[in-house]
Amino acid sequence: FQARELDSTRLVIERRSKVRKVISEITELPNSHDTAHQIKAIRKKLDDLSKERESLGLRVSLGGNSWAENRRPRQLDTDSMLADESYIIGRDNEKERIIQLLLAP
């Protein structure tokens, strides 16, 4: 008789624990009022940013960087890259260190 009573008491305690856990999880969820308030605040911030963008004369560009795409590539001066190494004195350590930095994972 006592074993059955203890077993039923244990089951009641386990069920209560499960119910408490579910209730605590539900109460931790944000309620719809808080969510609506946050959405409203985000929309206001986006509107403010849009007005600021317009006042600065900025345009919306979707996809790509139109400034970079429309400009012509400039000619780079590459003469310094072709320097004769016999004229470079005292840079062996620096050169080796740069090579090691570039090759490091």
PDB file of N, CA and C in Angstrom:
ATOM      1  N   PHE A   1       0.823  -1.197   0.000  1.00  0.00           N
ATOM      2  CA  PHE A   1       0.000   0.000   0.000  1.00  0.00           C
ATOM      3  C   PHE A   1       0.868   1.262   0.000  1.00  0.00           C
ATOM      4  N   GLN A   2       1.888   1.303   0.830  1.00  0.00           N
ATOM      5  CA  GLN A   2       2.746   2.484   0.915  1.00  0.00           C
ATOM      6  C   GLN A   2       3.544   2.687  -0.374  1.00  0.00           C
ATOM      7  N   ALA A   3       3.927   1.619  -1.027  1.00  0.00           N
ATOM      8  CA  ALA A   3       4.682   1.732  -2.277  1.00  0.00           C
ATOM      9  C   ALA A   3       3.827   2.389  -3.350  1.00  0.00           C
ATOM     10  N   ARG A   4       2.552   2.009  -3.446  1.00  0.00           N
ATOM     11  CA  ARG A   4       1.653   2.631  -4.416  1.00  0.00           C
ATOM     12  C   ARG A   4       1.456   4.103  -4.099  1.00  0.00           C
ATOM     13  N   GLU A   5       1.314   4.397  -2.829  1.00  0.00           N
ATOM     14  CA  GLU A   5       1.116   5.791  -2.408  1.00  0.00           C
ATOM     15  C   GLU A   5       2.345   6.634  -2.753  1.00  0.00           C
ATOM     16  N   LEU A   6       3.523   6.090  -2.504  1.00  0.00           N
ATOM     17  CA  LEU A   6       4.754   6.813  -2.833  1.00  0.00           C
ATOM     18  C   LEU A   6       4.890   6.988  -4.344  1.00  0.00           C
ATOM     19  N   ASP A   7       4.535   5.964  -5.093  1.00  0.00           N
ATOM     20  CA  ASP A   7       4.611   6.030  -6.547  1.00  0.00           C
ATOM     21  C   ASP A   7       3.659   7.081  -7.099  1.00  0.00           C
ATOM     22  N   SER A   8       2.437   7.127  -6.586  1.00  0.00           N
ATOM     23  CA  SER A   8       1.478   8.132  -7.066  1.00  0.00           C
ATOM     24  C   SER A   8       1.911   9.533  -6.651  1.00  0.00           C
ATOM     25  N   THR A   9       2.501   9.668  -5.478  1.00  0.00           N
ATOM     26  CA  THR A   9       2.999  10.975  -5.030  1.00  0.00           C
ATOM     27  C   THR A   9       4.132  11.441  -5.949  1.00  0.00           C
ATOM     28  N   ARG A  10       5.012  10.520  -6.324  1.00  0.00           N
ATOM     29  CA  ARG A  10       6.114  10.852  -7.225  1.00  0.00           C
ATOM     30  C   ARG A  10       5.578  11.294  -8.588  1.00  0.00           C
ATOM     31  N   LEU A  11       4.563  10.620  -9.097  1.00  0.00           N
ATOM     32  CA  LEU A  11       3.963  10.995 -10.377  1.00  0.00           C
ATOM     33  C   LEU A  11       3.341  12.388 -10.312  1.00  0.00           C
ATOM     34  N   VAL A  12       2.674  12.698  -9.209  1.00  0.00           N
ATOM     35  CA  VAL A  12       2.064  14.021  -9.045  1.00  0.00           C
ATOM     36  C   VAL A  12       3.143  15.094  -9.033  1.00  0.00           C
ATOM     37  N   ILE A  13       4.224  14.836  -8.337  1.00  0.00           N
ATOM     38  CA  ILE A  13       5.318  15.810  -8.261  1.00  0.00           C
ATOM     39  C   ILE A  13       5.946  16.009  -9.643  1.00  0.00           C
ATOM     40  N   GLU A  14       6.151  14.929 -10.405  1.00  0.00           N
ATOM     41  CA  GLU A  14       6.719  15.047 -11.750  1.00  0.00           C
ATOM     42  C   GLU A  14       5.803  15.839 -12.673  1.00  0.00           C
ATOM     43  N   ARG A  15       4.502  15.601 -12.600  1.00  0.00           N
ATOM     44  CA  ARG A  15       3.550  16.335 -13.439  1.00  0.00           C
ATOM     45  C   ARG A  15       3.556  17.815 -13.093  1.00  0.00           C
ATOM     46  N   ARG A  16       3.572  18.120 -11.811  1.00  0.00           N
ATOM     47  CA  ARG A  16       3.605  19.530 -11.393  1.00  0.00           C
ATOM     48  C   ARG A  16       4.871  20.207 -11.907  1.00  0.00           C
ATOM     49  N   SER A  17       5.971  19.479 -11.850  1.00  0.00           N
ATOM     50  CA  SER A  17       7.234  20.032 -12.329  1.00  0.00           C
ATOM     51  C   SER A  17       7.160  20.332 -13.823  1.00  0.00           C
ATOM     52  N   LYS A  18       6.576  19.410 -14.592  1.00  0.00           N
ATOM     53  CA  LYS A  18       6.426  19.628 -16.030  1.00  0.00           C
ATOM     54  C   LYS A  18       5.525  20.819 -16.315  1.00  0.00           C
ATOM     55  N   VAL A  19       4.427  20.930 -15.575  1.00  0.00           N
ATOM     56  CA  VAL A  19       3.497  22.048 -15.768  1.00  0.00           C
ATOM     57  C   VAL A  19       4.182  23.363 -15.438  1.00  0.00           C
ATOM     58  N   ARG A  20       4.928  23.409 -14.344  1.00  0.00           N
ATOM     59  CA  ARG A  20       5.646  24.631 -13.966  1.00  0.00           C
ATOM     60  C   ARG A  20       6.648  25.031 -15.045  1.00  0.00           C
ATOM     61  N   LYS A  21       7.325  24.038 -15.602  1.00  0.00           N
ATOM     62  CA  LYS A  21       8.310  24.320 -16.644  1.00  0.00           C
ATOM     63  C   LYS A  21       7.639  24.925 -17.875  1.00  0.00           C
ATOM     64  N   VAL A  22       6.520  24.358 -18.292  1.00  0.00           N
ATOM     65  CA  VAL A  22       5.801  24.881 -19.459  1.00  0.00           C
ATOM     66  C   VAL A  22       5.303  26.292 -19.187  1.00  0.00           C
ATOM     67  N   ILE A  23       4.748  26.514 -18.006  1.00  0.00           N
ATOM     68  CA  ILE A  23       4.234  27.846 -17.657  1.00  0.00           C
ATOM     69  C   ILE A  23       5.366  28.864 -17.640  1.00  0.00           C
ATOM     70  N   SER A  24       6.514  28.500 -17.083  1.00  0.00           N
ATOM     71  CA  SER A  24       7.631  29.454 -17.045  1.00  0.00           C
ATOM     72  C   SER A  24       8.133  29.763 -18.449  1.00  0.00           C
ATOM     73  N   GLU A  25       8.130  28.771 -19.348  1.00  0.00           N
ATOM     74  CA  GLU A  25       8.554  29.019 -20.727  1.00  0.00           C
ATOM     75  C   GLU A  25       7.577  29.943 -21.441  1.00  0.00           C
ATOM     76  N   ILE A  26       6.302  29.775 -21.176  1.00  0.00           N
ATOM     77  CA  ILE A  26       5.291  30.624 -21.808  1.00  0.00           C
ATOM     78  C   ILE A  26       5.415  32.060 -21.316  1.00  0.00           C
ATOM     79  N   THR A  27       5.637  32.246 -20.033  1.00  0.00           N
ATOM     80  CA  THR A  27       5.728  33.607 -19.497  1.00  0.00           C
ATOM     81  C   THR A  27       6.992  34.313 -19.956  1.00  0.00           C
ATOM     82  N   GLU A  28       8.005  33.559 -20.373  1.00  0.00           N
ATOM     83  CA  GLU A  28       9.230  34.180 -20.870  1.00  0.00           C
ATOM     84  C   GLU A  28       9.086  34.690 -22.298  1.00  0.00           C
ATOM     85  N   LEU A  29       8.095  34.226 -23.030  1.00  0.00           N
ATOM     86  CA  LEU A  29       7.889  34.688 -24.399  1.00  0.00           C
ATOM     87  C   LEU A  29       7.476  36.153 -24.395  1.00  0.00           C
ATOM     88  N   PRO A  30       7.968  36.931 -25.349  1.00  0.00           N
ATOM     89  CA  PRO A  30       7.542  38.333 -25.403  1.00  0.00           C
ATOM     90  C   PRO A  30       6.072  38.408 -25.796  1.00  0.00           C
ATOM     91  N   ASN A  31       5.368  39.315 -25.144  1.00  0.00           N
ATOM     92  CA  ASN A  31       3.952  39.423 -25.499  1.00  0.00           C
ATOM     93  C   ASN A  31       3.791  40.288 -26.742  1.00  0.00           C
ATOM     94  N   SER A  32       2.627  40.223 -27.349  1.00  0.00           N
ATOM     95  CA  SER A  32       2.400  40.900 -28.627  1.00  0.00           C
ATOM     96  C   SER A  32       2.493  42.417 -28.493  1.00  0.00           C
ATOM     97  N   HIS A  33       2.144  42.951 -27.322  1.00  0.00           N
ATOM     98  CA  HIS A  33       2.222  44.401 -27.117  1.00  0.00           C
ATOM     99  C   HIS A  33       3.678  44.861 -27.195  1.00  0.00           C
ATOM    100  N   ASP A  34       4.573  44.130 -26.516  1.00  0.00           N
ATOM    101  CA  ASP A  34       5.998  44.488 -26.553  1.00  0.00           C
ATOM    102  C   ASP A  34       6.552  44.385 -27.969  1.00  0.00           C
ATOM    103  N   THR A  35       6.189  43.332 -28.670  1.00  0.00           N
ATOM    104  CA  THR A  35       6.668  43.134 -30.034  1.00  0.00           C
ATOM    105  C   THR A  35       6.169  44.245 -30.946  1.00  0.00           C
ATOM    106  N   ALA A  36       4.893  44.596 -30.826  1.00  0.00           N
ATOM    107  CA  ALA A  36       4.330  45.668 -31.647  1.00  0.00           C
ATOM    108  C   ALA A  36       5.034  46.990 -31.358  1.00  0.00           C
ATOM    109  N   HIS A  37       5.338  47.242 -30.094  1.00  0.00           N
ATOM    110  CA  HIS A  37       6.029  48.476 -29.710  1.00  0.00           C
ATOM    111  C   HIS A  37       7.436  48.510 -30.320  1.00  0.00           C
ATOM    112  N   GLN A  38       8.127  47.378 -30.293  1.00  0.00           N
ATOM    113  CA  GLN A  38       9.472  47.310 -30.868  1.00  0.00           C
ATOM    114  C   GLN A  38       9.428  47.520 -32.382  1.00  0.00           C
ATOM    115  N   ILE A  39       8.441  46.935 -33.050  1.00  0.00           N
ATOM    116  CA  ILE A  39       8.305  47.115 -34.499  1.00  0.00           C
ATOM    117  C   ILE A  39       8.037  48.578 -34.825  1.00  0.00           C
ATOM    118  N   LYS A  40       7.191  49.212 -34.030  1.00  0.00           N
ATOM    119  CA  LYS A  40       6.875  50.628 -34.248  1.00  0.00           C
ATOM    120  C   LYS A  40       8.135  51.484 -34.091  1.00  0.00           C
ATOM    121  N   ALA A  41       8.943  51.187 -33.081  1.00  0.00           N
ATOM    122  CA  ALA A  41      10.181  51.943 -32.852  1.00  0.00           C
ATOM    123  C   ALA A  41      11.165  51.739 -34.009  1.00  0.00           C
ATOM    124  N   ILE A  42      11.249  50.523 -34.519  1.00  0.00           N
ATOM    125  CA  ILE A  42      12.150  50.242 -35.640  1.00  0.00           C
ATOM    126  C   ILE A  42      11.691  50.984 -36.888  1.00  0.00           C
ATOM    127  N   ARG A  43      10.384  50.988 -37.138  1.00  0.00           N
ATOM    128  CA  ARG A  43       9.865  51.702 -38.309  1.00  0.00           C
ATOM    129  C   ARG A  43      10.141  53.199 -38.213  1.00  0.00           C
ATOM    130  N   LYS A  44       9.998  53.756 -37.011  1.00  0.00           N
ATOM    131  CA  LYS A  44      10.266  55.185 -36.829  1.00  0.00           C
ATOM    132  C   LYS A  44      11.736  55.475 -37.103  1.00  0.00           C
ATOM    133  N   LYS A  45      12.610  54.621 -36.609  1.00  0.00           N
ATOM    134  CA  LYS A  45      14.044  54.815 -36.844  1.00  0.00           C
ATOM    135  C   LYS A  45      14.357  54.733 -38.343  1.00  0.00           C
ATOM    136  N   LEU A  46      13.741  53.780 -39.045  1.00  0.00           N
ATOM    137  CA  LEU A  46      13.954  53.674 -40.491  1.00  0.00           C
ATOM    138  C   LEU A  46      13.443  54.913 -41.218  1.00  0.00           C
ATOM    139  N   ASP A  47      12.284  55.430 -40.800  1.00  0.00           N
ATOM    140  CA  ASP A  47      11.751  56.659 -41.403  1.00  0.00           C
ATOM    141  C   ASP A  47      12.701  57.831 -41.169  1.00  0.00           C
ATOM    142  N   ASP A  48      13.225  57.934 -39.948  1.00  0.00           N
ATOM    143  CA  ASP A  48      14.165  59.015 -39.634  1.00  0.00           C
ATOM    144  C   ASP A  48      15.427  58.907 -40.492  1.00  0.00           C
ATOM    145  N   LEU A  49      15.929  57.683 -40.651  1.00  0.00           N
ATOM    146  CA  LEU A  49      17.117  57.488 -41.485  1.00  0.00           C
ATOM    147  C   LEU A  49      16.830  57.829 -42.944  1.00  0.00           C
ATOM    148  N   SER A  50      15.642  57.497 -43.412  1.00  0.00           N
ATOM    149  CA  SER A  50      15.273  57.814 -44.788  1.00  0.00           C
ATOM    150  C   SER A  50      15.213  59.326 -44.999  1.00  0.00           C
ATOM    151  N   LYS A  51      14.640  60.043 -44.028  1.00  0.00           N
ATOM    152  CA  LYS A  51      14.574  61.507 -44.124  1.00  0.00           C
ATOM    153  C   LYS A  51      15.976  62.110 -44.108  1.00  0.00           C
ATOM    154  N   GLU A  52      16.842  61.560 -43.263  1.00  0.00           N
ATOM    155  CA  GLU A  52      18.219  62.063 -43.198  1.00  0.00           C
ATOM    156  C   GLU A  52      18.943  61.796 -44.519  1.00  0.00           C
ATOM    157  N   ARG A  53      18.726  60.613 -45.095  1.00  0.00           N
ATOM    158  CA  ARG A  53      19.328  60.279 -46.385  1.00  0.00           C
ATOM    159  C   ARG A  53      18.884  61.269 -47.447  1.00  0.00           C
ATOM    160  N   GLU A  54      17.587  61.581 -47.475  1.00  0.00           N
ATOM    161  CA  GLU A  54      17.066  62.527 -48.457  1.00  0.00           C
ATOM    162  C   GLU A  54      17.646  63.919 -48.246  1.00  0.00           C
ATOM    163  N   SER A  55      17.767  64.334 -46.982  1.00  0.00           N
ATOM    164  CA  SER A  55      18.297  65.671 -46.707  1.00  0.00           C
ATOM    165  C   SER A  55      19.768  65.788 -47.105  1.00  0.00           C
ATOM    166  N   LEU A  56      20.483  64.670 -47.106  1.00  0.00           N
ATOM    167  CA  LEU A  56      21.887  64.675 -47.515  1.00  0.00           C
ATOM    168  C   LEU A  56      22.052  64.492 -49.020  1.00  0.00           C
ATOM    169  N   GLY A  57      20.951  64.257 -49.713  1.00  0.00           N
ATOM    170  CA  GLY A  57      21.004  64.094 -51.157  1.00  0.00           C
ATOM    171  C   GLY A  57      21.528  62.738 -51.600  1.00  0.00           C
ATOM    172  N   LEU A  58      21.406  61.745 -50.743  1.00  0.00           N
ATOM    173  CA  LEU A  58      21.872  60.405 -51.088  1.00  0.00           C
ATOM    174  C   LEU A  58      20.768  59.637 -51.796  1.00  0.00           C
ATOM    175  N   ARG A  59      21.172  58.744 -52.697  1.00  0.00           N
ATOM    176  CA  ARG A  59      20.205  57.931 -53.431  1.00  0.00           C
ATOM    177  C   ARG A  59      20.295  56.482 -52.985  1.00  0.00           C
ATOM    178  N   VAL A  60      19.200  55.770 -53.143  1.00  0.00           N
ATOM    179  CA  VAL A  60      19.186  54.345 -52.843  1.00  0.00           C
ATOM    180  C   VAL A  60      19.653  53.598 -54.078  1.00  0.00           C
ATOM    181  N   SER A  61      20.607  52.719 -53.905  1.00  0.00           N
ATOM    182  CA  SER A  61      21.116  51.919 -55.013  1.00  0.00           C
ATOM    183  C   SER A  61      21.045  50.461 -54.589  1.00  0.00           C
ATOM    184  N   LEU A  62      20.275  49.684 -55.310  1.00  0.00           N
ATOM    185  CA  LEU A  62      20.150  48.269 -54.980  1.00  0.00           C
ATOM    186  C   LEU A  62      21.053  47.451 -55.880  1.00  0.00           C
ATOM    187  N   GLY A  63      21.919  46.694 -55.291  1.00  0.00           N
ATOM    188  CA  GLY A  63      22.776  45.796 -56.050  1.00  0.00           C
ATOM    189  C   GLY A  63      23.934  46.499 -56.719  1.00  0.00           C
ATOM    190  N   GLY A  64      25.100  46.219 -56.260  1.00  0.00           N
ATOM    191  CA  GLY A  64      26.299  46.761 -56.895  1.00  0.00           C
ATOM    192  C   GLY A  64      26.646  48.151 -56.415  1.00  0.00           C
ATOM    193  N   ASN A  65      27.813  48.580 -56.784  1.00  0.00           N
ATOM    194  CA  ASN A  65      28.304  49.899 -56.434  1.00  0.00           C
ATOM    195  C   ASN A  65      28.372  50.697 -57.725  1.00  0.00           C
ATOM    196  N   SER A  66      27.343  51.498 -57.980  1.00  0.00           N
ATOM    197  CA  SER A  66      27.256  52.194 -59.266  1.00  0.00           C
ATOM    198  C   SER A  66      28.432  53.139 -59.480  1.00  0.00           C
ATOM    199  N   TRP A  67      28.955  53.738 -58.429  1.00  0.00           N
ATOM    200  CA  TRP A  67      30.086  54.644 -58.578  1.00  0.00           C
ATOM    201  C   TRP A  67      31.299  53.875 -59.104  1.00  0.00           C
ATOM    202  N   ALA A  68      31.565  52.732 -58.499  1.00  0.00           N
ATOM    203  CA  ALA A  68      32.734  51.953 -58.907  1.00  0.00           C
ATOM    204  C   ALA A  68      32.536  51.334 -60.283  1.00  0.00           C
ATOM    205  N   GLU A  69      31.299  50.964 -60.600  1.00  0.00           N
ATOM    206  CA  GLU A  69      31.043  50.329 -61.888  1.00  0.00           C
ATOM    207  C   GLU A  69      31.147  51.320 -63.038  1.00  0.00           C
ATOM    208  N   ASN A  70      30.825  52.581 -62.808  1.00  0.00           N
ATOM    209  CA  ASN A  70      30.783  53.565 -63.883  1.00  0.00           C
ATOM    210  C   ASN A  70      32.108  54.282 -64.121  1.00  0.00           C
ATOM    211  N   ARG A  71      33.030  54.169 -63.220  1.00  0.00           N
ATOM    212  CA  ARG A  71      34.277  54.897 -63.442  1.00  0.00           C
ATOM    213  C   ARG A  71      35.264  54.027 -64.206  1.00  0.00           C
ATOM    214  N   ARG A  72      36.078  54.696 -64.985  1.00  0.00           N
ATOM    215  CA  ARG A  72      37.061  53.981 -65.789  1.00  0.00           C
ATOM    216  C   ARG A  72      38.220  53.535 -64.906  1.00  0.00           C
ATOM    217  N   PRO A  73      38.766  52.366 -65.182  1.00  0.00           N
ATOM    218  CA  PRO A  73      39.930  51.944 -64.397  1.00  0.00           C
ATOM    219  C   PRO A  73      41.111  52.850 -64.711  1.00  0.00           C
ATOM    220  N   ARG A  74      41.798  53.272 -63.686  1.00  0.00           N
ATOM    221  CA  ARG A  74      42.934  54.167 -63.919  1.00  0.00           C
ATOM    222  C   ARG A  74      44.190  53.344 -64.146  1.00  0.00           C
ATOM    223  N   GLN A  75      45.107  53.953 -64.828  1.00  0.00           N
ATOM    224  CA  GLN A  75      46.381  53.302 -65.085  1.00  0.00           C
ATOM    225  C   GLN A  75      47.238  53.412 -63.832  1.00  0.00           C
ATOM    226  N   LEU A  76      47.732  52.293 -63.368  1.00  0.00           N
ATOM    227  CA  LEU A  76      48.581  52.293 -62.189  1.00  0.00           C
ATOM    228  C   LEU A  76      50.038  52.412 -62.605  1.00  0.00           C
ATOM    229  N   ASP A  77      50.783  53.166 -61.826  1.00  0.00           N
ATOM    230  CA  ASP A  77      52.213  53.297 -62.066  1.00  0.00           C
ATOM    231  C   ASP A  77      52.882  52.043 -61.510  1.00  0.00           C
ATOM    232  N   THR A  78      53.411  51.222 -62.383  1.00  0.00           N
ATOM    233  CA  THR A  78      54.013  49.958 -61.953  1.00  0.00           C
ATOM    234  C   THR A  78      55.532  49.967 -62.032  1.00  0.00           C
ATOM    235  N   ASP A  79      56.110  51.116 -62.322  1.00  0.00           N
ATOM    236  CA  ASP A  79      57.567  51.177 -62.440  1.00  0.00           C
ATOM    237  C   ASP A  79      58.257  50.746 -61.153  1.00  0.00           C
ATOM    238  N   SER A  80      57.721  51.136 -60.011  1.00  0.00           N
ATOM    239  CA  SER A  80      58.377  50.816 -58.749  1.00  0.00           C
ATOM    240  C   SER A  80      58.369  49.315 -58.478  1.00  0.00           C
ATOM    241  N   MET A  81      57.420  48.589 -59.071  1.00  0.00           N
ATOM    242  CA  MET A  81      57.369  47.148 -58.867  1.00  0.00           C
ATOM    243  C   MET A  81      58.443  46.426 -59.672  1.00  0.00           C
ATOM    244  N   LEU A  82      59.011  47.095 -60.648  1.00  0.00           N
ATOM    245  CA  LEU A  82      59.999  46.467 -61.511  1.00  0.00           C
ATOM    246  C   LEU A  82      61.412  46.942 -61.205  1.00  0.00           C
ATOM    247  N   ALA A  83      61.619  47.441 -60.008  1.00  0.00           N
ATOM    248  CA  ALA A  83      62.932  47.987 -59.649  1.00  0.00           C
ATOM    249  C   ALA A  83      63.993  46.898 -59.678  1.00  0.00           C
ATOM    250  N   ASP A  84      65.175  47.299 -60.125  1.00  0.00           N
ATOM    251  CA  ASP A  84      66.306  46.376 -60.165  1.00  0.00           C
ATOM    252  C   ASP A  84      66.773  46.144 -58.734  1.00  0.00           C
ATOM    253  N   GLU A  85      66.773  44.888 -58.297  1.00  0.00           N
ATOM    254  CA  GLU A  85      67.105  44.577 -56.908  1.00  0.00           C
ATOM    255  C   GLU A  85      68.551  44.914 -56.563  1.00  0.00           C
ATOM    256  N   SER A  86      69.411  45.062 -57.539  1.00  0.00           N
ATOM    257  CA  SER A  86      70.808  45.376 -57.242  1.00  0.00           C
ATOM    258  C   SER A  86      70.945  46.786 -56.671  1.00  0.00           C
ATOM    259  N   TYR A  87      69.942  47.649 -56.894  1.00  0.00           N
ATOM    260  CA  TYR A  87      69.989  49.012 -56.358  1.00  0.00           C
ATOM    261  C   TYR A  87      69.421  49.103 -54.945  1.00  0.00           C
ATOM    262  N   ILE A  88      68.796  48.061 -54.478  1.00  0.00           N
ATOM    263  CA  ILE A  88      68.188  48.087 -53.147  1.00  0.00           C
ATOM    264  C   ILE A  88      69.202  47.549 -52.155  1.00  0.00           C
ATOM    265  N   ILE A  89      69.535  48.400 -51.172  1.00  0.00           N
ATOM    266  CA  ILE A  89      70.572  48.043 -50.213  1.00  0.00           C
ATOM    267  C   ILE A  89      69.971  48.049 -48.810  1.00  0.00           C
ATOM    268  N   GLY A  90      70.264  46.994 -48.030  1.00  0.00           N
ATOM    269  CA  GLY A  90      69.889  46.964 -46.624  1.00  0.00           C
ATOM    270  C   GLY A  90      68.429  46.658 -46.336  1.00  0.00           C
ATOM    271  N   ARG A  91      67.739  46.042 -47.251  1.00  0.00           N
ATOM    272  CA  ARG A  91      66.327  45.732 -47.019  1.00  0.00           C
ATOM    273  C   ARG A  91      66.055  44.229 -47.023  1.00  0.00           C
ATOM    274  N   ASP A  92      67.089  43.420 -46.912  1.00  0.00           N
ATOM    275  CA  ASP A  92      66.901  41.969 -46.973  1.00  0.00           C
ATOM    276  C   ASP A  92      66.015  41.459 -45.833  1.00  0.00           C
ATOM    277  N   ASN A  93      66.270  41.950 -44.618  1.00  0.00           N
ATOM    278  CA  ASN A  93      65.467  41.496 -43.474  1.00  0.00           C
ATOM    279  C   ASN A  93      64.003  41.901 -43.624  1.00  0.00           C
ATOM    280  N   GLU A  94      63.785  43.144 -44.040  1.00  0.00           N
ATOM    281  CA  GLU A  94      62.417  43.618 -44.212  1.00  0.00           C
ATOM    282  C   GLU A  94      61.706  42.837 -45.305  1.00  0.00           C
ATOM    283  N   LYS A  95      62.428  42.599 -46.398  1.00  0.00           N
ATOM    284  CA  LYS A  95      61.848  41.848 -47.515  1.00  0.00           C
ATOM    285  C   LYS A  95      61.467  40.439 -47.060  1.00  0.00           C
ATOM    286  N   GLU A  96      62.346  39.785 -46.351  1.00  0.00           N
ATOM    287  CA  GLU A  96      62.078  38.425 -45.877  1.00  0.00           C
ATOM    288  C   GLU A  96      60.888  38.403 -44.910  1.00  0.00           C
ATOM    289  N   ARG A  97      60.807  39.400 -44.051  1.00  0.00           N
ATOM    290  CA  ARG A  97      59.696  39.470 -43.088  1.00  0.00           C
ATOM    291  C   ARG A  97      58.360  39.674 -43.811  1.00  0.00           C
ATOM    292  N   ILE A  98      58.356  40.533 -44.809  1.00  0.00           N
ATOM    293  CA  ILE A  98      57.127  40.770 -45.578  1.00  0.00           C
ATOM    294  C   ILE A  98      56.708  39.501 -46.302  1.00  0.00           C
ATOM    295  N   ILE A  99      57.663  38.799 -46.879  1.00  0.00           N
ATOM    296  CA  ILE A  99      57.344  37.546 -47.572  1.00  0.00           C
ATOM    297  C   ILE A  99      56.756  36.539 -46.590  1.00  0.00           C
ATOM    298  N   GLN A 100      57.347  36.443 -45.405  1.00  0.00           N
ATOM    299  CA  GLN A 100      56.831  35.517 -44.392  1.00  0.00           C
ATOM    300  C   GLN A 100      55.413  35.895 -43.961  1.00  0.00           C
ATOM    301  N   LEU A 101      55.156  37.191 -43.794  1.00  0.00           N
ATOM    302  CA  LEU A 101      53.809  37.638 -43.419  1.00  0.00           C
ATOM    303  C   LEU A 101      52.794  37.307 -44.504  1.00  0.00           C
ATOM    304  N   LEU A 102      53.197  37.473 -45.753  1.00  0.00           N
ATOM    305  CA  LEU A 102      52.282  37.192 -46.860  1.00  0.00           C
ATOM    306  C   LEU A 102      52.001  35.702 -47.011  1.00  0.00           C
ATOM    307  N   LEU A 103      52.978  34.878 -46.713  1.00  0.00           N
ATOM    308  CA  LEU A 103      52.813  33.435 -46.874  1.00  0.00           C
ATOM    309  C   LEU A 103      52.239  32.752 -45.643  1.00  0.00           C
ATOM    310  N   ALA A 104      52.167  33.470 -44.525  1.00  0.00           N
ATOM    311  CA  ALA A 104      51.646  32.873 -43.289  1.00  0.00           C
ATOM    312  C   ALA A 104      50.150  32.586 -43.433  1.00  0.00           C
ATOM    313  N   PRO A 105      49.687  31.481 -42.838  1.00  0.00           N
ATOM    314  CA  PRO A 105      48.251  31.143 -42.951  1.00  0.00           C
ATOM    315  C   PRO A 105      47.365  32.088 -42.174  1.00  0.00           C
TER     316      PRO A 105
END
